[in-house]
C-alpha cells in the first residue's frame, strides 16, 4: 500500500493507517522498567553476575545456580509518581500513587552426592516486569494549527467523498455496504462533529478544517483563527511474568540456568485532546454555510491491549577466582497473542449546540494480533572483596528495531482488517508490512548500563547503592520533527522517550535465615508529547510539549532462607 501524503492548508501532513497497530504501539508494548526485589533494585539491577536473588530468575537465570539453600520471599512497592509538562512556558504537573506487588516466589535446592555437580535448583516466581501506570497532562497556550486540519488532510489524502464519511444506522466504515474501500474513523468523527468540511463537488471535495482554510479558499480578508489546546493522558496496566527456572553449578565455578516465562500483558490508555478556538471556521446548519465562530471541542480515545505470551532465557555465570564473577544472559523475544479494543468520541460545542459523535455508535471495535518484542543480551561482571564489599556492572543490548507485528493464524476480528485499505489502494497481502517498516525507521537499539555496590557494615547489616542509564530508543530524525509519524486508528497523539536514569540506594538486615531489605529508587525519564505528526516539509510544527516523568519508589522485601 503506497502512502501518498497531501500538503494541507494548515502546513501539516496527514498519515493514514487503517489497522489497529502502529510503530508507536510496538514500543508501548515493549518499554522497559526496573522492577524486582529491594536488594536487586537498590543496586540498580546490576545482578547479572551475582545471582542468589529471586529477581535474577528473570534477568540472568544462571543466578539460580548460586543458591545453596531454599528460599521464599515477597516484595512490595509504593510507587509515587510526579509528571510535568512544559509547552511554550506553560507548565502543568500531576501526581499519583500506586501500591504494587513486585515479586513473590521461592527456590528449592536439591543437593546431589557429587563434587562436580553439587546441586540442582528449581525456582518459581511471579515478577512484575513493567508497570505502565502514569499520567501526564498539559496546556499549549498558543496553537499554530488545529487537529481538525490533520483530519481534513487524511480525507484529502484518501480521496474521500462525502458519501464515504456520512454515517447512517446501517453504515460500517470498515465493512461498507457497497463493498467499497474503508474510510478512517478519525475523518468520520471529524465530519460528524463538524470539525472538517467538504468544499466543492461532494463526489470530489476538498476537505478543510477549522483553522482558517476557508479564508485561503475564498480569498476574503477575514480575521485569522487562534486558540489554545490541552491534553490529558492516563496509562495503566503491567507486564506480569510467571517464571519457571532450573539451574545448578559445576564444581562451584560455572553456574548455569534457564528460565521459561509465561507472560500476562495488560495495557490501557485513555487519551484526551481538546481545543478552544476563536474565529474558527465551522459549518452552521442554520445558514448552511461555513462561518467563523468560537469552537470548543475535544476528542477522547479509549484503547486496551491484553493477552498472553511466552519467552525463554538462558544464562551462565563463571567464577574463575573467588573475587571475580562474569555473567552472560540471552533473552528471546516474548511472543504475544493480543486482543485490542478501541473506541473514540468527539464532544463539540458551536452555535449553542452540542455534538457528540462516537465510533460505531459507542460499540468498541476489536482486533486480534500477534506481536514479537525485541531480543535482549546481557553481559555482566562483579567483584567480591573479602566478605564485605561487592561491586557489579551490567551492560544490556536491546534491539527495538526488531519488534514485529503479524496476523494471528486465525482471525476473529470485529472488522475485516485484511480486505480494506486506503481508498484506491490495491489488495493488501501483509497488512503489517508498512508498520513493521516504520518500526525500523523510527526505533533503534538501546544500551543499558547498570552499576551497583553493597557494603556489609556488620555481619547482619548492609548498605547498598546503584545507578542505571537507558539510552533513548528513538532515532534522531523523529526528535527533530524531520519525518512523518504514522499512527493507527483515531489516536494521532504519541510520545517519544529520551534517556532514562535511575538512582538507587537501600539497606539490608539478616538474622539467621530471615532477611528484610529496603530500597529507595528514583527514576527520571524525559519525553516529548506530540498531538499529531509534524510536517517535515514546512515550518509549521504540530502541537508539542516537553515531558518530565519522575517516579520515587519505596520497596520492601521480606523472606526466609532455610
Protein backbone atom coordinates (compact mmCIF):
# COMPACT_ATOMS: atom_id res chain seq x y z
CA UNK A 1 0.00 0.00 0.00
CA UNK A 2 1.69 3.19 -1.16
CA UNK A 3 1.29 6.11 1.21
CA UNK A 4 0.61 9.30 -0.66
CA UNK A 5 0.68 12.42 1.51
CA UNK A 6 -1.12 15.62 0.65
CA UNK A 7 0.07 19.02 1.83
CA UNK A 8 -2.88 20.63 3.56
CA UNK A 9 -3.57 24.27 4.30
CA UNK A 10 -2.50 24.02 7.93
CA UNK A 11 1.01 23.01 6.89
CA UNK A 12 0.77 19.52 8.35
CA UNK A 13 0.90 16.17 6.62
CA UNK A 14 -1.65 13.54 7.48
CA UNK A 15 -0.66 9.91 7.65
CA UNK A 16 -3.32 7.25 7.27
CA UNK A 17 -3.27 3.86 8.94
CA UNK A 18 -6.33 1.69 8.70
CA UNK A 19 -5.16 -1.02 11.03
CA UNK A 20 -5.08 -1.38 14.77
CA UNK A 21 -1.33 -1.00 15.34
CA UNK A 22 1.48 1.43 14.71
CA UNK A 23 5.21 1.50 15.41
CA UNK A 24 4.41 3.70 18.43
CA UNK A 25 2.23 0.91 19.83
CA UNK A 26 5.10 -1.55 19.42
CA UNK A 27 7.30 0.46 21.76
CA UNK A 28 4.43 0.95 24.21
CA UNK A 29 4.22 -2.84 24.45
CA UNK A 30 7.99 -3.30 24.91
CA UNK A 31 9.09 -0.37 27.09
CA UNK A 32 11.46 -1.43 29.89
CA UNK A 33 11.30 -0.91 33.65
CA UNK A 34 13.37 -1.65 36.75
CA UNK A 35 11.33 -3.96 38.98
CA UNK A 36 12.25 -6.72 41.40
CA UNK A 37 13.33 -7.31 44.97
CA UNK A 38 14.51 -4.46 47.17
CA UNK A 39 18.10 -5.72 47.12
CA UNK A 40 18.06 -6.01 43.33
CA UNK A 41 16.60 -2.53 42.85
CA UNK A 42 18.81 -0.84 45.47
CA UNK A 43 21.86 -1.96 43.48
CA UNK A 44 20.50 -0.55 40.23
CA UNK A 45 19.53 -4.01 38.94
CA UNK A 46 23.21 -4.89 38.42
CA UNK A 47 22.85 -8.55 39.39
CA UNK A 48 23.70 -10.36 36.17
CA UNK A 49 26.95 -11.78 37.58
CA UNK A 50 25.86 -12.15 41.21
CA UNK A 51 22.75 -14.29 41.42
CA UNK A 52 21.31 -15.64 44.65
CA UNK A 53 18.29 -13.30 44.43
CA UNK A 54 14.72 -14.02 43.32
CA UNK A 55 14.85 -11.24 40.71
CA UNK A 56 17.72 -12.87 38.86
CA UNK A 57 15.42 -15.60 37.60
CA UNK A 58 14.07 -13.08 35.07
CA UNK A 59 17.40 -11.33 34.41
CA UNK A 60 20.18 -13.91 34.31
CA UNK A 61 18.67 -17.30 35.16
CA UNK A 62 22.15 -18.64 35.96
CA UNK A 63 21.71 -16.77 39.22
CA UNK A 64 19.55 -19.64 40.44
CA UNK A 65 22.61 -21.89 40.31
CA UNK A 66 24.28 -19.79 43.02
CA UNK A 67 21.70 -20.85 45.61
CA UNK A 68 22.86 -23.36 48.22
CA UNK A 69 19.68 -23.36 50.29
CA UNK A 70 15.92 -22.97 49.89
CA UNK A 71 14.30 -19.53 49.85
CA UNK A 72 10.85 -17.96 49.85
CA UNK A 73 10.17 -14.23 49.71
CA UNK A 74 7.98 -11.39 48.53
CA UNK A 75 8.39 -7.71 47.62
CA UNK A 76 6.02 -4.75 48.00
CA UNK A 77 6.38 -1.44 46.17
CA UNK A 78 4.96 2.01 46.90
CA UNK A 79 5.18 3.99 43.63
CA UNK A 80 4.97 7.79 43.93
CA UNK A 81 4.68 9.42 40.51
CA UNK A 82 5.12 13.04 39.50
CA UNK A 83 4.88 14.24 35.93
CA UNK A 84 5.16 17.72 34.48
CA UNK A 85 4.76 19.21 31.03
CA UNK A 86 6.18 22.40 29.55
CA UNK A 87 4.69 23.93 26.41
CA UNK A 88 5.63 27.49 25.43
CA UNK A 89 6.49 28.21 29.07
CA UNK A 90 3.16 26.91 30.38
CA UNK A 91 3.93 24.25 33.00
CA UNK A 92 1.43 21.69 34.28
CA UNK A 93 2.01 18.88 36.77
CA UNK A 94 0.13 15.91 38.16
CA UNK A 95 0.77 13.28 40.84
CA UNK A 96 -0.49 9.80 41.61
CA UNK A 97 0.40 6.97 43.99
CA UNK A 98 0.21 3.24 43.30
CA UNK A 99 0.76 0.21 45.51
CA UNK A 100 2.30 -2.79 43.72
CA UNK A 101 3.33 -6.36 44.37
CA UNK A 102 6.71 -6.60 42.65
CA UNK A 103 7.74 -10.15 43.36
CA UNK A 104 6.80 -13.35 45.19
CA UNK A 105 8.28 -16.79 44.84
CA UNK A 106 10.72 -19.38 46.01
CA UNK A 107 13.71 -21.55 45.15
CA UNK A 108 14.17 -25.18 46.12
CA UNK A 109 17.64 -26.75 46.29
CA UNK A 110 18.23 -30.42 45.59
CA UNK A 111 21.64 -31.50 46.92
CA UNK A 112 23.45 -34.19 44.97
CA UNK A 113 26.20 -36.53 46.19
CA UNK A 114 28.71 -35.15 43.70
CA UNK A 115 31.51 -32.61 43.93
CA UNK A 116 31.29 -31.93 40.20
CA UNK A 117 27.54 -31.21 40.30
CA UNK A 118 26.76 -30.49 43.96
CA UNK A 119 23.16 -29.28 43.48
CA UNK A 120 20.28 -28.65 41.12
CA UNK A 121 17.90 -25.77 41.91
CA UNK A 122 14.33 -25.13 40.80
CA UNK A 123 12.58 -21.77 41.12
CA UNK A 124 9.05 -20.46 40.73
CA UNK A 125 8.40 -16.72 40.92
CA UNK A 126 5.90 -14.08 39.98
CA UNK A 127 7.67 -10.91 38.84
CA UNK A 128 6.23 -7.59 37.70
CA UNK A 129 8.44 -6.91 34.70
CA UNK A 130 6.95 -3.49 33.93
CA UNK A 131 4.31 -1.11 35.21
CA UNK A 132 2.59 1.19 32.72
CA UNK A 133 0.92 3.36 35.36
CA UNK A 134 1.49 7.03 34.60
CA UNK A 135 -0.44 10.20 33.90
CA UNK A 136 0.59 13.42 32.21
CA UNK A 137 -1.35 16.44 31.05
CA UNK A 138 -0.68 19.94 29.82
CA UNK A 139 -1.82 23.11 28.11
CA UNK A 140 -0.46 24.55 24.86
CA UNK A 141 -1.31 28.28 25.14
CA UNK A 142 -0.93 29.27 21.51
CA UNK A 143 -1.72 26.89 18.67
CA UNK A 144 -0.49 27.43 15.14
CA UNK A 145 -2.58 24.63 13.67
CA UNK A 146 -5.67 22.60 14.60
CA UNK A 147 -6.04 18.84 14.73
CA UNK A 148 -9.15 19.32 12.59
CA UNK A 149 -6.81 20.22 9.71
CA UNK A 150 -4.94 16.97 10.29
CA UNK A 151 -8.28 15.16 9.94
CA UNK A 152 -9.05 17.09 6.77
CA UNK A 153 -5.65 16.15 5.40
CA UNK A 154 -6.45 12.48 5.97
CA UNK A 155 -9.68 12.86 4.00
CA UNK A 156 -7.88 14.62 1.12
CA UNK A 157 -5.06 12.08 1.22
CA UNK A 158 -7.52 9.18 0.90
CA UNK A 159 -9.65 10.95 -1.71
CA UNK A 160 -12.80 10.51 0.37
CA UNK A 161 -16.16 11.71 -0.87
CA UNK A 162 -18.97 12.97 1.32
CA UNK A 163 -20.77 9.65 0.87
CA UNK A 164 -17.69 7.84 2.19
CA UNK A 165 -17.92 9.52 5.59
CA UNK A 166 -21.64 10.06 6.07
CA UNK A 167 -22.93 7.89 8.93
CA UNK A 168 -26.26 6.08 8.94
CA UNK A 169 -27.62 3.46 11.29
CA UNK A 170 -26.55 0.72 8.88
CA UNK A 171 -23.20 2.21 7.94
CA UNK A 172 -20.00 0.43 8.92
CA UNK A 173 -16.94 2.24 7.51
CA UNK A 174 -14.71 -0.81 7.93
CA UNK A 175 -17.16 -3.01 6.02
CA UNK A 176 -19.11 -0.70 3.69
CA UNK A 177 -22.45 -1.94 2.41
CA UNK A 178 -21.41 -1.34 -1.20
CA UNK A 179 -18.21 -3.35 -0.84
CA UNK A 180 -16.10 -0.23 -1.25
CA UNK A 181 -12.95 0.89 0.48
CA UNK A 182 -12.96 1.66 4.20
CA UNK A 183 -12.88 5.23 5.50
CA UNK A 184 -10.86 6.02 8.63
CA UNK A 185 -12.91 6.63 11.76
CA UNK A 186 -10.93 9.79 12.51
CA UNK A 187 -12.35 11.52 9.43
CA UNK A 188 -15.85 10.21 10.19
CA UNK A 189 -15.70 11.63 13.71
CA UNK A 190 -14.40 14.90 12.25
CA UNK A 191 -17.26 15.10 9.78
CA UNK A 192 -19.99 14.16 12.27
CA UNK A 193 -18.55 16.58 14.83
CA UNK A 194 -18.32 19.48 12.32
CA UNK A 195 -14.54 19.58 12.62
CA UNK A 196 -13.97 19.04 8.89
CA UNK A 197 -16.00 20.29 5.94
CA UNK A 198 -16.24 19.35 2.23
CA UNK A 199 -15.83 22.13 -0.32
CA UNK A 200 -16.94 21.92 -3.94
CA UNK A 201 -18.26 18.77 -5.61
CA UNK A 202 -19.50 16.26 -2.97
CA UNK A 203 -18.09 13.47 -5.14
CA UNK A 204 -14.68 15.12 -5.33
CA UNK A 205 -14.45 17.59 -2.44
CA UNK A 206 -11.54 19.50 -1.00
CA UNK A 207 -11.72 18.95 2.77
CA UNK A 208 -10.88 21.77 5.17
CA UNK A 209 -10.51 22.02 8.94
CA UNK A 210 -11.44 24.73 11.39
CA UNK A 211 -8.09 26.53 11.13
CA UNK A 212 -8.56 29.22 8.51
CA UNK A 213 -8.90 27.05 5.42
CA UNK A 214 -11.99 28.89 4.20
CA UNK A 215 -10.11 32.19 4.25
CA UNK A 216 -7.48 30.69 1.97
CA UNK A 217 -10.08 29.22 -0.39
CA UNK A 218 -12.34 32.27 -0.61
CA UNK A 219 -9.55 34.86 -0.54
CA UNK A 220 -11.54 37.00 1.87
CA UNK A 221 -9.99 39.49 4.25
CA UNK A 222 -11.22 37.87 7.46
CA UNK A 223 -9.81 37.52 10.98
CA UNK A 224 -7.37 34.66 11.46
CA UNK A 225 -8.04 31.66 13.67
CA UNK A 226 -6.27 31.41 17.02
CA UNK A 227 -6.62 29.49 20.26
CA UNK A 228 -5.16 27.01 22.73
CA UNK A 229 -5.00 23.24 23.15
CA UNK A 230 -4.82 20.83 26.04
CA UNK A 231 -4.14 17.14 26.61
CA UNK A 232 -4.61 14.56 29.35
CA UNK A 233 -3.18 11.04 29.02
CA UNK A 234 -3.66 8.19 31.50
CA UNK A 235 -1.83 4.88 31.09
CA UNK A 236 -2.46 1.79 33.19
CA UNK A 237 -1.51 -1.85 33.28
CA UNK A 238 1.54 -4.07 33.65
CA UNK A 239 3.60 -6.93 32.29
CA UNK A 240 3.42 -9.85 34.74
CA UNK A 241 5.84 -12.75 34.42
CA UNK A 242 5.46 -16.23 35.89
CA UNK A 243 8.92 -17.76 35.89
CA UNK A 244 9.83 -21.44 35.90
CA UNK A 245 13.61 -21.74 36.24
CA UNK A 246 16.09 -24.55 36.67
CA UNK A 247 19.83 -24.34 37.17
CA UNK A 248 22.84 -25.58 39.02
CA UNK A 249 26.58 -25.33 39.25
CA UNK A 250 29.58 -27.23 38.03
CA UNK A 251 32.36 -27.57 40.61
CA UNK A 252 31.30 -24.23 42.15
CA UNK A 253 32.97 -22.49 39.20
CA UNK A 254 30.37 -22.46 36.44
CA UNK A 255 26.75 -21.66 37.27
CA UNK A 256 24.06 -22.21 34.66
CA UNK A 257 20.35 -21.65 34.41
CA UNK A 258 17.40 -21.49 32.08
CA UNK A 259 14.06 -19.84 32.55
CA UNK A 260 10.72 -20.19 30.82
CA UNK A 261 8.35 -17.23 31.27
CA UNK A 262 4.61 -17.22 30.87
CA UNK A 263 3.68 -13.56 30.48
CA UNK A 264 0.38 -11.76 31.05
CA UNK A 265 0.09 -8.41 29.31
CA UNK A 266 -2.44 -5.67 30.03
CA UNK A 267 -2.11 -2.12 28.69
CA UNK A 268 -4.82 0.54 28.89
CA UNK A 269 -4.72 4.08 27.52
CA UNK A 270 -7.15 6.95 27.93
CA UNK A 271 -6.16 9.94 25.84
CA UNK A 272 -7.85 13.35 25.60
CA UNK A 273 -7.03 16.19 23.20
CA UNK A 274 -9.05 19.43 23.19
CA UNK A 275 -9.01 22.83 21.53
CA UNK A 276 -10.52 26.21 22.39
CA UNK A 277 -10.51 28.23 19.17
CA UNK A 278 -11.55 31.75 18.21
CA UNK A 279 -12.60 32.68 14.66
CA UNK A 280 -12.76 29.01 13.77
CA UNK A 281 -14.45 28.01 10.51
CA UNK A 282 -17.40 25.78 11.41
CA UNK A 283 -20.40 24.69 9.36
CA UNK A 284 -23.61 26.35 10.57
CA UNK A 285 -26.66 24.10 9.94
CA UNK A 286 -28.98 27.09 10.28
CA UNK A 287 -27.43 29.02 7.38
CA UNK A 288 -25.98 26.01 5.51
CA UNK A 289 -22.66 27.87 5.29
CA UNK A 290 -19.19 27.89 6.77
CA UNK A 291 -18.96 30.74 9.28
CA UNK A 292 -16.45 31.98 11.81
CA UNK A 293 -17.33 31.32 15.44
CA UNK A 294 -15.82 30.18 18.71
CA UNK A 295 -15.14 26.45 18.80
CA UNK A 296 -14.67 24.32 21.90
CA UNK A 297 -14.17 20.65 21.24
CA UNK A 298 -12.29 17.62 22.49
CA UNK A 299 -11.69 14.05 21.38
CA UNK A 300 -11.30 11.13 23.78
CA UNK A 301 -9.72 7.80 22.84
CA UNK A 302 -10.01 4.59 24.86
CA UNK A 303 -7.64 1.77 24.00
CA UNK A 304 -6.73 -1.55 25.59
CA UNK A 305 -4.43 -4.38 24.56
CA UNK A 306 -4.32 -7.53 26.63
CA UNK A 307 -3.25 -11.11 26.17
CA UNK A 308 -0.51 -13.56 26.97
CA UNK A 309 2.85 -14.67 25.70
CA UNK A 310 5.98 -16.60 26.48
CA UNK A 311 9.75 -16.29 26.26
CA UNK A 312 12.88 -18.22 27.10
CA UNK A 313 16.07 -17.11 28.84
CA UNK A 314 19.43 -18.80 29.09
CA UNK A 315 22.37 -17.71 31.22
CA UNK A 316 25.74 -18.57 32.65
CA UNK A 317 27.96 -17.21 35.44
CA UNK A 318 31.65 -18.11 35.65
CA UNK A 319 33.70 -17.67 38.83
CA UNK A 320 37.35 -18.22 37.80
CA UNK A 321 38.54 -16.93 41.18
CA UNK A 322 36.68 -16.14 44.37
CA UNK A 323 36.97 -12.39 43.80
CA UNK A 324 35.61 -12.31 40.22
CA UNK A 325 32.35 -13.34 38.57
CA UNK A 326 31.44 -12.96 34.90
CA UNK A 327 27.91 -13.42 33.58
CA UNK A 328 26.10 -13.61 30.27
CA UNK A 329 22.38 -13.99 29.50
CA UNK A 330 20.26 -14.20 26.39
CA UNK A 331 16.55 -13.31 26.33
CA UNK A 332 14.47 -14.42 23.39
CA UNK A 333 11.64 -12.13 22.29
CA UNK A 334 8.32 -12.50 24.01
CA UNK A 335 5.80 -13.85 21.53
CA UNK A 336 2.41 -12.33 22.34
CA UNK A 337 -1.09 -13.11 21.24
CA UNK A 338 -3.05 -9.92 21.92
CA UNK A 339 -6.58 -8.61 21.61
CA UNK A 340 -7.13 -4.88 21.19
CA UNK A 341 -10.30 -2.95 21.93
CA UNK A 342 -10.74 0.68 20.97
CA UNK A 343 -13.31 3.44 20.82
CA UNK A 344 -13.37 7.21 20.49
CA UNK A 345 -15.77 10.12 20.63
CA UNK A 346 -15.79 13.84 19.89
CA UNK A 347 -17.59 16.41 22.03
CA UNK A 348 -18.00 19.81 20.36
CA UNK A 349 -19.96 22.97 21.12
CA UNK A 350 -20.68 25.59 18.43
CA UNK A 351 -23.61 27.89 17.74
CA UNK A 352 -25.01 26.96 21.18
CA UNK A 353 -25.35 23.32 20.11
CA UNK A 354 -23.52 20.25 21.38
CA UNK A 355 -22.34 17.42 19.13
CA UNK A 356 -21.10 14.07 20.42
CA UNK A 357 -20.40 11.53 17.65
CA UNK A 358 -18.90 8.16 18.64
CA UNK A 359 -17.11 5.43 16.76
CA UNK A 360 -19.54 2.68 15.77
CA UNK A 361 -22.30 4.30 17.85
CA UNK A 362 -20.31 3.64 21.02
CA UNK A 363 -19.68 -0.07 20.46
CA UNK A 364 -15.96 -0.82 20.85
CA UNK A 365 -14.15 -2.45 17.97
CA UNK A 366 -11.60 -5.16 18.49
CA UNK A 367 -8.72 -6.77 16.66
CA UNK A 368 -6.51 -9.82 17.24
CA UNK A 369 -2.80 -9.51 16.55
CA UNK A 370 0.46 -11.30 17.22
CA UNK A 371 3.42 -9.28 18.43
CA UNK A 372 7.10 -10.02 19.00
CA UNK A 373 9.22 -7.96 21.38
CA UNK A 374 12.97 -7.42 20.79
CA UNK A 375 15.88 -9.69 21.66
CA UNK A 376 18.00 -8.86 24.70
CA UNK A 377 21.60 -9.74 25.55
CA UNK A 378 23.20 -9.02 28.92
CA UNK A 379 26.91 -9.10 29.82
CA UNK A 380 27.91 -8.71 33.48
CA UNK A 381 30.92 -8.57 35.77
CA UNK A 382 31.16 -8.41 39.56
CA UNK A 383 33.95 -8.17 42.08
CA UNK A 384 33.79 -9.57 45.60
CA UNK A 385 36.31 -8.12 48.00
CA UNK A 386 36.66 -10.20 51.12
CA UNK A 387 33.30 -10.89 52.69
CA UNK A 388 32.24 -7.24 52.99
CA UNK A 389 32.24 -5.41 49.66
CA UNK A 390 30.59 -6.17 46.30
CA UNK A 391 30.71 -4.08 43.13
CA UNK A 392 28.88 -5.10 39.95
CA UNK A 393 28.12 -3.85 36.46
CA UNK A 394 25.74 -4.95 33.69
CA UNK A 395 25.52 -3.97 30.05
CA UNK A 396 22.30 -4.78 28.20
CA UNK A 397 21.64 -4.54 24.45
CA UNK A 398 18.02 -4.40 23.26
CA UNK A 399 17.16 -4.21 19.57
CA UNK A 400 13.90 -2.29 19.37
CA UNK A 401 14.17 -2.05 15.60
CA UNK A 402 13.41 -5.80 15.51
CA UNK A 403 9.94 -5.60 17.08
CA UNK A 404 7.30 -7.05 14.77
CA UNK A 405 3.53 -7.35 14.31
CA UNK A 406 1.92 -10.22 12.45
CA UNK A 407 -1.53 -11.66 11.82
CA UNK A 408 -2.80 -14.46 14.04
CA UNK A 409 -3.16 -17.88 12.48
CA UNK A 410 -6.91 -17.43 12.76
CA UNK A 411 -8.85 -14.19 12.76
CA UNK A 412 -11.95 -13.34 14.77
CA UNK A 413 -11.81 -9.60 14.22
CA UNK A 414 -14.84 -7.43 14.64
CA UNK A 415 -13.77 -5.71 11.43
CA UNK A 416 -12.34 -7.35 8.33
CA UNK A 417 -8.93 -5.67 8.57
CA UNK A 418 -7.44 -7.92 5.85
CA UNK A 419 -9.54 -6.72 2.96
CA UNK A 420 -9.99 -2.99 3.15
CA UNK A 421 -7.29 -0.33 2.80
CA UNK A 422 -6.96 3.27 1.73
CA UNK A 423 -9.32 4.48 -0.98
CA UNK A 424 -7.85 3.45 -4.30
CA UNK A 425 -5.26 1.14 -2.72
CA UNK A 426 -4.78 -2.42 -4.00
CA UNK A 427 -5.48 -5.57 -2.02
CA UNK A 428 -3.08 -5.87 0.93
CA UNK A 429 -1.35 -9.23 1.39
CA UNK A 430 0.61 -8.25 4.52
CA UNK A 431 -1.32 -5.67 6.47
CA UNK A 432 1.58 -5.06 8.88
CA UNK A 433 4.38 -4.69 6.32
CA UNK A 434 4.45 -0.91 6.46
CA UNK A 435 4.03 -0.79 10.23
CA UNK A 436 7.00 -3.15 10.63
CA UNK A 437 8.99 -0.94 8.28
CA UNK A 438 8.00 2.07 10.40
CA UNK A 439 9.42 0.27 13.43
CA UNK A 440 12.78 0.00 11.67
CA UNK A 441 12.57 3.65 10.58
CA UNK A 442 11.62 5.07 13.99
CA UNK A 443 13.48 2.95 16.54
CA UNK A 444 17.00 1.71 17.22
CA UNK A 445 18.87 -0.36 19.75
CA UNK A 446 19.16 0.83 23.33
CA UNK A 447 22.19 0.48 25.56
CA UNK A 448 21.57 -0.01 29.26
CA UNK A 449 24.29 0.35 31.88
CA UNK A 450 23.63 -0.79 35.44
CA UNK A 451 26.05 -0.25 38.34
CA UNK A 452 25.68 -1.48 41.92
CA UNK A 453 27.57 -1.77 45.18
CA UNK A 454 26.95 -3.38 48.56
CA UNK A 455 28.95 -2.98 51.76
CA UNK A 456 28.38 -5.23 54.76
CA UNK A 457 28.78 -2.93 57.77
CA UNK A 458 28.24 -5.74 60.26
CA UNK A 459 27.52 -9.45 59.76
CA UNK A 460 23.81 -8.58 59.91
CA UNK A 461 23.57 -5.11 58.36
CA UNK A 462 24.37 -3.92 54.79
CA UNK A 463 24.14 -0.68 52.85
CA UNK A 464 23.70 -0.51 49.06
CA UNK A 465 23.66 1.95 46.18
CA UNK A 466 23.23 1.82 42.43
CA UNK A 467 22.71 3.65 39.17
CA UNK A 468 21.19 2.71 35.84
CA UNK A 469 21.14 4.50 32.49
CA UNK A 470 18.98 3.59 29.48
CA UNK A 471 19.63 5.32 26.15
CA UNK A 472 16.79 6.65 24.03
CA UNK A 473 15.16 4.13 21.66
CA UNK A 474 14.09 6.88 19.22
CA UNK A 475 16.05 7.85 16.13
CA UNK A 476 17.16 11.48 15.94
CA UNK A 477 15.06 12.34 12.89
CA UNK A 478 11.88 11.79 14.91
CA UNK A 479 13.08 14.07 17.69
CA UNK A 480 13.99 16.73 15.12
CA UNK A 481 10.50 16.63 13.52
CA UNK A 482 12.21 15.50 10.33
CA UNK A 483 9.90 12.62 9.49
CA UNK A 484 6.20 11.83 9.39
CA UNK A 485 4.95 9.61 12.20
CA UNK A 486 2.15 7.24 11.24
CA UNK A 487 -0.28 6.34 13.98
CA UNK A 488 -3.24 3.98 13.97
CA UNK A 489 -6.98 4.33 14.25
CA UNK A 490 -8.33 7.51 15.86
CA UNK A 491 -5.32 8.19 18.10
CA UNK A 492 -2.93 10.60 16.34
CA UNK A 493 -1.03 11.57 19.51
CA UNK A 494 2.20 9.83 20.52
CA UNK A 495 5.14 10.15 22.91
CA UNK A 496 8.88 9.95 22.14
CA UNK A 497 11.04 8.87 25.08
CA UNK A 498 14.52 10.24 25.69
CA UNK A 499 17.07 8.77 28.10
CA UNK A 500 16.06 7.20 31.41
CA UNK A 501 18.09 7.44 34.62
CA UNK A 502 17.71 5.53 37.90
CA UNK A 503 19.45 6.45 41.17
CA UNK A 504 19.03 3.86 43.91
CA UNK A 505 20.02 3.09 47.48
CA UNK A 506 18.99 0.68 50.20
CA UNK A 507 19.54 -1.19 53.44
CA UNK A 508 19.55 -4.86 54.30
CA UNK A 509 19.25 -6.80 57.56
CA UNK A 510 19.74 -10.53 58.09
CA UNK A 511 19.49 -12.69 61.16
CA UNK A 512 19.56 -16.44 60.93
CA UNK A 513 17.66 -17.32 57.76
CA UNK A 514 15.36 -14.29 57.90
CA UNK A 515 16.05 -11.17 55.85
CA UNK A 516 14.40 -7.82 55.26
CA UNK A 517 15.55 -5.32 52.63
CA UNK A 518 14.50 -1.74 52.00
CA UNK A 519 15.19 0.28 48.84
CA UNK A 520 14.57 3.76 47.51
CA UNK A 521 14.54 4.13 43.72
CA UNK A 522 14.34 7.45 41.87
CA UNK A 523 13.55 7.31 38.16
CA UNK A 524 13.65 10.22 35.73
CA UNK A 525 12.66 9.99 32.09
CA UNK A 526 12.42 12.88 29.66
CA UNK A 527 9.89 12.60 26.87
CA UNK A 528 8.09 14.60 24.21
CA UNK A 529 4.33 14.70 23.65
CA UNK A 530 3.05 15.23 20.10
CA UNK A 531 -0.66 15.84 19.48
CA UNK A 532 -0.18 14.58 15.91
CA UNK A 533 2.61 14.21 13.39
CA UNK A 534 4.55 17.29 12.26
CA UNK A 535 5.06 18.21 8.62
CA UNK A 536 8.77 17.76 7.81
CA UNK A 537 8.36 19.88 4.69
CA UNK A 538 7.20 23.11 6.32
CA UNK A 539 7.98 25.44 9.20
CA UNK A 540 4.69 24.65 10.93
CA UNK A 541 5.23 22.39 13.94
CA UNK A 542 2.33 20.37 15.30
CA UNK A 543 1.34 20.93 18.97
CA UNK A 544 4.08 19.57 21.23
CA UNK A 545 5.16 19.63 24.87
CA UNK A 546 8.23 18.54 26.80
CA UNK A 547 7.51 15.94 29.50
CA UNK A 548 9.38 15.12 32.67
CA UNK A 549 8.22 11.78 34.11
CA UNK A 550 9.53 11.05 37.62
CA UNK A 551 8.97 8.12 39.97
CA UNK A 552 10.02 7.65 43.57
CA UNK A 553 9.65 4.05 44.73
CA UNK A 554 9.89 2.70 48.25
CA UNK A 555 10.44 -1.05 48.06
CA UNK A 556 10.28 -3.60 50.88
CA UNK A 557 11.30 -7.26 50.62
CA UNK A 558 11.00 -9.97 53.26
CA UNK A 559 11.98 -13.60 53.04
CA UNK A 560 13.43 -16.68 54.63
CA UNK A 561 16.33 -18.93 53.62
CA UNK A 562 16.36 -22.44 55.06
